N, C-alpha and C. Protein backbone atom coordinates (compact mmCIF):
# COMPACT_ATOMS: atom_id res chain seq x y z
N UNK A 1 -9.70 5.57 23.04
CA UNK A 1 -10.13 4.79 22.11
C UNK A 1 -11.46 5.15 21.40
N UNK A 2 -12.24 5.96 21.82
CA UNK A 2 -13.35 6.37 21.16
C UNK A 2 -13.02 7.08 19.90
N UNK A 3 -12.03 7.91 20.20
CA UNK A 3 -11.49 8.83 18.89
C UNK A 3 -11.21 7.91 17.84
N UNK A 4 -10.25 6.80 18.15
CA UNK A 4 -9.82 5.90 17.32
C UNK A 4 -10.94 5.33 16.45
N UNK A 5 -11.80 4.75 17.26
CA UNK A 5 -12.92 4.04 16.43
C UNK A 5 -13.73 4.98 15.60
N UNK A 6 -13.98 6.09 16.12
CA UNK A 6 -14.77 7.09 15.18
C UNK A 6 -14.02 7.51 14.03
N UNK A 7 -12.75 7.77 14.36
CA UNK A 7 -11.89 7.98 12.96
C UNK A 7 -11.97 7.05 12.06
N UNK A 8 -11.71 5.73 12.58
CA UNK A 8 -11.69 4.52 11.74
C UNK A 8 -12.86 4.55 10.92
N UNK A 9 -13.99 4.64 11.51
CA UNK A 9 -15.37 4.64 10.86
C UNK A 9 -15.54 5.80 9.70
N UNK A 10 -15.39 7.00 10.25
CA UNK A 10 -15.38 8.12 9.16
C UNK A 10 -14.35 7.92 7.94
N UNK A 11 -13.12 7.64 8.36
CA UNK A 11 -12.03 7.49 7.30
C UNK A 11 -12.63 6.14 6.20
N UNK A 12 -13.01 5.17 6.85
CA UNK A 12 -13.39 4.10 6.13
C UNK A 12 -14.46 4.39 5.09
N UNK A 13 -15.46 5.26 5.67
CA UNK A 13 -16.74 5.49 4.73
C UNK A 13 -16.15 6.50 3.53
N UNK A 14 -15.18 7.44 4.01
CA UNK A 14 -14.61 8.26 3.09
C UNK A 14 -13.88 7.46 1.80
N UNK A 15 -13.07 6.43 2.48
CA UNK A 15 -12.11 5.81 1.61
C UNK A 15 -13.11 4.99 0.55
N UNK A 16 -14.30 4.55 1.03
CA UNK A 16 -15.17 3.78 0.13
C UNK A 16 -15.80 4.82 -1.04
N UNK A 17 -16.00 5.99 -0.55
CA UNK A 17 -16.37 6.99 -1.45
C UNK A 17 -15.53 7.33 -2.39
N UNK A 18 -14.10 7.62 -2.15
CA UNK A 18 -12.97 8.02 -2.89
C UNK A 18 -12.56 6.64 -3.81
N UNK A 19 -12.70 5.53 -3.31
CA UNK A 19 -12.44 4.25 -4.11
C UNK A 19 -13.33 4.05 -5.00
N UNK A 20 -14.79 4.54 -4.81
CA UNK A 20 -15.77 4.34 -5.97
C UNK A 20 -15.59 5.33 -7.03
N UNK A 21 -15.30 6.45 -6.77
CA UNK A 21 -15.02 7.61 -7.81
C UNK A 21 -14.03 7.19 -8.57
N UNK A 22 -12.70 6.85 -8.04
CA UNK A 22 -11.60 6.58 -8.70
C UNK A 22 -11.73 5.19 -9.68
N UNK A 23 -12.42 4.31 -9.05
CA UNK A 23 -12.77 3.04 -9.82
C UNK A 23 -13.65 3.41 -11.04
N UNK A 24 -14.60 4.33 -11.03
CA UNK A 24 -15.31 4.64 -12.21
C UNK A 24 -14.53 5.28 -13.20
N UNK A 25 -13.66 6.37 -12.72
CA UNK A 25 -12.86 6.88 -13.51
C UNK A 25 -11.78 6.28 -14.23
N UNK A 26 -11.06 5.36 -13.38
CA UNK A 26 -9.82 4.83 -14.09
C UNK A 26 -9.70 3.45 -13.80
N UNK A 27 -10.01 3.03 -12.54
CA UNK A 27 -9.53 1.60 -12.12
C UNK A 27 -10.31 0.42 -12.88
N UNK A 28 -11.69 0.70 -12.99
CA UNK A 28 -12.61 -0.41 -13.66
C UNK A 28 -12.20 -0.45 -15.20
N UNK A 29 -11.94 0.55 -15.78
CA UNK A 29 -11.43 0.35 -17.16
C UNK A 29 -10.11 -0.29 -17.47
N UNK A 30 -9.41 0.10 -16.49
CA UNK A 30 -8.01 -0.54 -16.52
C UNK A 30 -8.09 -2.02 -16.09
N UNK A 31 -8.90 -2.47 -15.34
CA UNK A 31 -9.25 -3.93 -14.73
C UNK A 31 -9.74 -4.51 -16.01
N UNK A 32 -10.59 -4.09 -16.83
CA UNK A 32 -11.16 -4.72 -17.97
C UNK A 32 -10.07 -5.01 -18.87
N UNK A 33 -9.14 -3.87 -19.14
CA UNK A 33 -8.25 -3.93 -20.41
C UNK A 33 -7.23 -5.14 -19.84
N UNK A 34 -6.78 -5.10 -18.33
CA UNK A 34 -5.88 -6.20 -17.84
C UNK A 34 -6.54 -7.67 -18.03
N UNK A 35 -7.90 -7.62 -17.87
CA UNK A 35 -8.52 -9.04 -17.87
C UNK A 35 -8.60 -9.44 -19.19
N UNK A 36 -8.71 -8.56 -20.53
CA UNK A 36 -8.57 -8.86 -21.63
C UNK A 36 -7.08 -9.50 -22.11
N UNK A 37 -6.04 -8.95 -21.48
CA UNK A 37 -4.69 -9.30 -21.82
C UNK A 37 -4.39 -10.57 -20.93
N UNK A 38 -4.97 -10.67 -19.81
CA UNK A 38 -4.69 -11.80 -18.84
C UNK A 38 -5.79 -12.43 -18.07
N UNK A 39 -6.74 -12.93 -18.95
CA UNK A 39 -8.13 -13.50 -18.48
C UNK A 39 -7.88 -14.53 -17.44
N UNK A 40 -6.87 -15.35 -17.50
CA UNK A 40 -6.62 -16.35 -16.17
C UNK A 40 -6.19 -15.74 -14.98
N UNK A 41 -5.43 -14.54 -15.07
CA UNK A 41 -4.75 -13.87 -13.91
C UNK A 41 -5.45 -12.75 -13.39
N UNK A 42 -6.31 -11.98 -14.27
CA UNK A 42 -7.04 -10.85 -13.70
C UNK A 42 -8.64 -10.95 -14.02
N UNK A 43 -9.27 -11.16 -13.04
CA UNK A 43 -10.66 -11.09 -13.30
C UNK A 43 -11.37 -9.75 -13.54
N UNK A 44 -12.36 -9.93 -14.37
CA UNK A 44 -13.04 -8.67 -14.96
C UNK A 44 -13.58 -7.92 -13.86
N UNK A 45 -13.92 -8.45 -12.74
CA UNK A 45 -14.53 -7.53 -11.61
C UNK A 45 -13.68 -8.10 -10.51
N UNK A 46 -13.20 -7.04 -9.77
CA UNK A 46 -12.18 -7.46 -8.61
C UNK A 46 -13.30 -8.13 -7.36
N UNK A 47 -12.52 -9.02 -6.51
CA UNK A 47 -13.25 -9.57 -5.56
C UNK A 47 -13.44 -8.47 -4.37
N UNK A 48 -14.66 -7.90 -4.17
CA UNK A 48 -14.76 -6.75 -3.29
C UNK A 48 -14.54 -7.00 -1.73
N UNK A 49 -14.72 -8.38 -1.35
CA UNK A 49 -14.46 -8.93 -0.01
C UNK A 49 -12.90 -8.53 0.29
N UNK A 50 -12.10 -8.96 -0.58
CA UNK A 50 -10.55 -8.55 -0.41
C UNK A 50 -10.39 -7.06 -0.39
N UNK A 51 -10.86 -6.49 -1.35
CA UNK A 51 -10.66 -5.09 -1.58
C UNK A 51 -11.25 -4.10 -0.32
N UNK A 52 -12.35 -4.58 0.30
CA UNK A 52 -12.95 -3.98 1.43
C UNK A 52 -11.97 -4.33 2.59
N UNK A 53 -11.48 -5.66 2.86
CA UNK A 53 -10.90 -5.98 3.89
C UNK A 53 -9.28 -5.18 3.91
N UNK A 54 -8.69 -5.20 2.82
CA UNK A 54 -7.50 -4.56 2.51
C UNK A 54 -7.48 -2.99 2.93
N UNK A 55 -8.58 -2.49 2.37
CA UNK A 55 -8.96 -1.08 2.61
C UNK A 55 -8.99 -0.88 4.10
N UNK A 56 -9.82 -1.63 4.78
CA UNK A 56 -10.08 -1.34 6.29
C UNK A 56 -8.58 -1.62 6.98
N UNK A 57 -7.86 -2.71 6.63
CA UNK A 57 -6.71 -2.87 7.27
C UNK A 57 -5.78 -1.51 7.22
N UNK A 58 -5.62 -1.04 5.97
CA UNK A 58 -4.94 0.15 5.81
C UNK A 58 -5.33 1.44 6.45
N UNK A 59 -6.67 1.63 6.49
CA UNK A 59 -7.33 2.76 7.21
C UNK A 59 -6.98 2.54 8.87
N UNK A 60 -7.24 1.27 9.40
CA UNK A 60 -6.70 1.04 10.74
C UNK A 60 -5.15 1.46 10.98
N UNK A 61 -4.27 0.87 10.08
CA UNK A 61 -2.99 1.17 10.20
C UNK A 61 -2.63 2.69 10.11
N UNK A 62 -3.34 3.48 9.26
CA UNK A 62 -3.02 4.89 9.09
C UNK A 62 -3.61 5.60 10.48
N UNK A 63 -4.73 5.29 10.88
CA UNK A 63 -5.31 5.91 12.21
C UNK A 63 -4.41 5.82 13.18
N UNK A 64 -3.92 4.57 13.42
CA UNK A 64 -3.07 4.24 14.56
C UNK A 64 -1.67 5.10 14.38
N UNK A 65 -1.08 4.90 13.30
CA UNK A 65 0.01 5.63 13.01
C UNK A 65 -0.06 7.22 13.26
N UNK A 66 -1.09 7.86 12.68
CA UNK A 66 -1.41 9.19 12.76
C UNK A 66 -1.52 9.59 14.30
N UNK A 67 -2.21 8.83 14.86
CA UNK A 67 -2.52 9.16 16.42
C UNK A 67 -1.18 9.10 17.25
N UNK A 68 -0.37 8.03 16.73
CA UNK A 68 0.88 7.92 17.42
C UNK A 68 1.94 9.12 17.24
N UNK A 69 1.62 9.82 15.99
CA UNK A 69 2.58 10.69 15.45
C UNK A 69 2.02 12.07 16.09
N UNK A 70 0.85 12.08 16.73
CA UNK A 70 0.25 13.29 17.16
C UNK A 70 -0.35 14.21 16.12
N UNK A 71 -0.70 13.86 15.02
CA UNK A 71 -1.53 14.37 14.06
C UNK A 71 -2.93 14.60 14.29
N UNK A 72 -3.29 15.86 14.50
CA UNK A 72 -4.55 16.08 14.96
C UNK A 72 -5.35 17.36 14.29
N UNK A 73 -4.80 17.53 13.15
CA UNK A 73 -5.31 18.89 12.49
C UNK A 73 -5.46 18.32 10.93
N UNK A 74 -6.32 19.09 10.13
CA UNK A 74 -6.60 18.65 8.85
C UNK A 74 -5.42 19.05 7.89
N UNK A 75 -4.49 19.98 8.05
CA UNK A 75 -3.36 20.19 7.20
C UNK A 75 -2.43 19.17 7.55
N UNK A 76 -2.12 18.94 8.63
CA UNK A 76 -0.97 17.99 9.10
C UNK A 76 -1.36 16.50 8.53
N UNK A 77 -2.58 16.31 8.63
CA UNK A 77 -3.06 15.04 8.35
C UNK A 77 -3.16 14.90 6.69
N UNK A 78 -3.62 16.00 6.02
CA UNK A 78 -3.36 15.87 4.56
C UNK A 78 -2.12 15.82 4.13
N UNK A 79 -1.06 16.35 4.73
CA UNK A 79 0.20 16.26 4.22
C UNK A 79 0.84 14.95 4.64
N UNK A 80 0.70 14.52 5.72
CA UNK A 80 0.93 13.00 6.02
C UNK A 80 0.36 12.05 5.27
N UNK A 81 -0.85 12.15 4.86
CA UNK A 81 -1.65 11.28 4.11
C UNK A 81 -1.23 11.24 2.65
N UNK A 82 -0.52 12.38 2.13
CA UNK A 82 -0.16 12.49 0.80
C UNK A 82 1.21 11.60 0.81
N UNK A 83 2.09 11.77 1.74
CA UNK A 83 3.62 11.14 1.68
C UNK A 83 3.25 9.69 2.18
N UNK A 84 2.34 9.38 2.73
CA UNK A 84 2.12 7.97 3.26
C UNK A 84 1.70 7.30 1.85
N UNK A 85 0.78 7.84 1.36
CA UNK A 85 0.26 7.13 -0.08
C UNK A 85 1.00 7.18 -0.87
N UNK A 86 1.92 8.15 -1.26
CA UNK A 86 2.89 8.09 -2.25
C UNK A 86 3.98 6.89 -1.89
N UNK A 87 4.23 6.98 -0.76
CA UNK A 87 5.28 5.90 -0.48
C UNK A 87 5.02 4.34 -0.43
N UNK A 88 3.59 4.34 0.02
CA UNK A 88 3.15 2.95 0.20
C UNK A 88 2.65 2.43 -1.24
N UNK A 89 2.03 3.30 -2.07
CA UNK A 89 1.74 2.74 -3.46
C UNK A 89 2.97 2.70 -4.31
N UNK A 90 3.83 3.57 -4.23
CA UNK A 90 5.07 3.24 -4.84
C UNK A 90 5.78 2.13 -4.75
N UNK A 91 5.76 1.81 -3.27
CA UNK A 91 6.50 0.43 -2.90
C UNK A 91 5.58 -0.75 -3.82
N UNK A 92 4.29 -0.55 -3.55
CA UNK A 92 3.30 -1.78 -4.04
C UNK A 92 3.47 -1.68 -5.52
N UNK A 93 3.37 -0.76 -6.21
CA UNK A 93 3.36 -0.68 -7.83
C UNK A 93 4.63 -1.05 -8.45
N UNK A 94 5.76 -0.31 -7.70
CA UNK A 94 7.23 -0.68 -8.40
C UNK A 94 7.45 -2.18 -8.03
N UNK A 95 7.17 -2.83 -6.96
CA UNK A 95 7.40 -3.97 -6.63
C UNK A 95 6.58 -5.03 -7.66
N UNK A 96 5.44 -4.78 -7.93
CA UNK A 96 4.58 -5.49 -8.94
C UNK A 96 5.12 -5.42 -10.34
N UNK A 97 5.56 -4.15 -10.71
CA UNK A 97 6.34 -3.92 -11.87
C UNK A 97 7.47 -4.86 -12.14
N UNK A 98 8.14 -5.04 -10.92
CA UNK A 98 9.53 -5.85 -10.91
C UNK A 98 9.23 -7.31 -10.98
N UNK A 99 8.09 -7.85 -10.65
CA UNK A 99 7.88 -9.23 -10.57
C UNK A 99 6.61 -9.56 -11.73
N UNK A 100 6.18 -8.66 -12.08
CA UNK A 100 4.95 -9.16 -13.28
C UNK A 100 4.92 -8.36 -14.34
N UNK A 101 4.05 -8.84 -15.35
CA UNK A 101 3.78 -7.93 -16.40
C UNK A 101 2.39 -7.58 -16.33
N UNK A 102 1.81 -7.65 -15.40
CA UNK A 102 0.28 -7.19 -15.47
C UNK A 102 -0.05 -5.93 -15.75
N UNK A 103 0.81 -4.85 -15.39
CA UNK A 103 0.43 -3.44 -15.73
C UNK A 103 1.75 -2.67 -16.24
N UNK A 104 1.54 -1.38 -16.73
CA UNK A 104 2.60 -0.69 -17.31
C UNK A 104 3.04 0.38 -16.35
N UNK A 105 4.06 1.03 -16.74
CA UNK A 105 4.76 1.87 -15.84
C UNK A 105 3.79 3.18 -15.71
N UNK A 106 3.08 3.43 -16.97
CA UNK A 106 2.04 4.54 -17.04
C UNK A 106 0.99 4.37 -15.81
N UNK A 107 0.44 2.98 -15.80
CA UNK A 107 -0.62 2.58 -15.00
C UNK A 107 -0.24 2.98 -13.54
N UNK A 108 1.16 2.36 -13.18
CA UNK A 108 1.61 2.66 -11.86
C UNK A 108 1.80 4.26 -11.52
N UNK A 109 2.34 4.80 -12.36
CA UNK A 109 2.40 6.43 -12.25
C UNK A 109 1.06 7.02 -12.11
N UNK A 110 0.13 6.53 -12.82
CA UNK A 110 -1.15 7.15 -12.54
C UNK A 110 -1.74 6.65 -11.14
N UNK A 111 -1.62 5.25 -10.99
CA UNK A 111 -2.02 4.73 -9.68
C UNK A 111 -1.45 5.49 -8.46
N UNK A 112 -0.19 5.78 -8.50
CA UNK A 112 0.49 6.53 -7.50
C UNK A 112 -0.03 8.10 -7.28
N UNK A 113 -0.29 8.58 -8.40
CA UNK A 113 -0.89 10.08 -8.36
C UNK A 113 -2.27 9.85 -7.78
N UNK A 114 -3.24 9.14 -8.14
CA UNK A 114 -4.43 8.99 -7.64
C UNK A 114 -4.42 8.51 -6.08
N UNK A 115 -3.51 7.75 -5.92
CA UNK A 115 -3.31 7.28 -4.48
C UNK A 115 -2.83 8.66 -3.59
N UNK A 116 -2.21 9.34 -4.18
CA UNK A 116 -1.67 10.44 -3.53
C UNK A 116 -2.73 11.35 -3.24
N UNK A 117 -3.79 11.77 -4.07
CA UNK A 117 -4.84 12.69 -3.84
C UNK A 117 -5.78 11.88 -2.94
N UNK A 118 -6.16 10.67 -2.94
CA UNK A 118 -7.04 10.18 -2.03
C UNK A 118 -6.30 10.05 -0.66
N UNK A 119 -5.06 9.80 -0.54
CA UNK A 119 -4.24 9.84 0.61
C UNK A 119 -4.28 11.31 1.41
N UNK A 120 -4.20 12.04 0.53
CA UNK A 120 -4.30 13.61 1.06
C UNK A 120 -5.86 13.68 1.68
N UNK A 121 -6.66 13.23 0.87
CA UNK A 121 -8.17 13.53 1.33
C UNK A 121 -8.24 12.66 2.82
N UNK A 122 -7.86 11.42 2.75
CA UNK A 122 -8.06 10.47 3.86
C UNK A 122 -7.34 11.08 5.10
N UNK A 123 -6.00 11.55 4.77
CA UNK A 123 -5.21 11.93 5.94
C UNK A 123 -5.86 13.39 6.52
N UNK A 124 -6.63 14.04 5.75
CA UNK A 124 -7.42 15.24 6.13
C UNK A 124 -8.40 14.94 7.03
N UNK A 125 -9.12 13.94 6.70
CA UNK A 125 -10.17 13.32 7.51
C UNK A 125 -9.65 12.90 8.80
N UNK A 126 -8.64 11.95 8.80
CA UNK A 126 -7.97 11.45 9.92
C UNK A 126 -7.50 12.57 10.78
N UNK A 127 -6.72 13.41 10.50
CA UNK A 127 -6.25 14.61 11.25
C UNK A 127 -7.61 15.39 11.86
N UNK A 128 -8.44 15.75 11.17
CA UNK A 128 -9.70 16.39 11.51
C UNK A 128 -10.35 15.61 12.54
N UNK A 129 -10.58 14.47 12.44
CA UNK A 129 -11.34 13.60 13.28
C UNK A 129 -10.64 13.19 14.75
N UNK A 130 -9.34 12.95 14.60
CA UNK A 130 -8.36 12.69 15.75
C UNK A 130 -8.52 13.94 16.64
N UNK A 131 -8.52 15.16 15.99
CA UNK A 131 -8.36 16.46 16.77
C UNK A 131 -9.74 16.64 17.35
N UNK A 132 -10.91 16.50 16.55
CA UNK A 132 -12.13 16.75 16.95
C UNK A 132 -12.73 15.61 18.07
N UNK A 133 -12.35 14.66 18.01
CA UNK A 133 -12.80 13.62 19.10
C UNK A 133 -11.71 13.18 20.22
N UNK A 134 -10.66 14.11 20.33
CA UNK A 134 -9.82 13.83 21.43
C UNK A 134 -10.53 13.95 22.78
């Protein structure tokens, strides 16, 4: 249980840093653009309580899954994080494209790409931490 809690905390901290960097570079400008197009549907600033809660839920899910899959090395964690992120965010983005007009295919593809990079980093942290604190 100790390795799970430590891994969740470390991964969550790294996810906040990665989220902040990607927000500055891509998501914040895109959010403002969507707010200009759909001011009633998309706020100019996201509700961080929901963002942090969703991020924590995803980190907990990943850590438990990675542990159950026996991932305890940086390389295997990075590879698994990459494909987890691509599949999860492809599902999310393509579903939203199918049911709304809030963003474009270009945005979705960039989001999936950025999520893949972040997923690779988070997966590496999870793999390292699960191996280190076993």
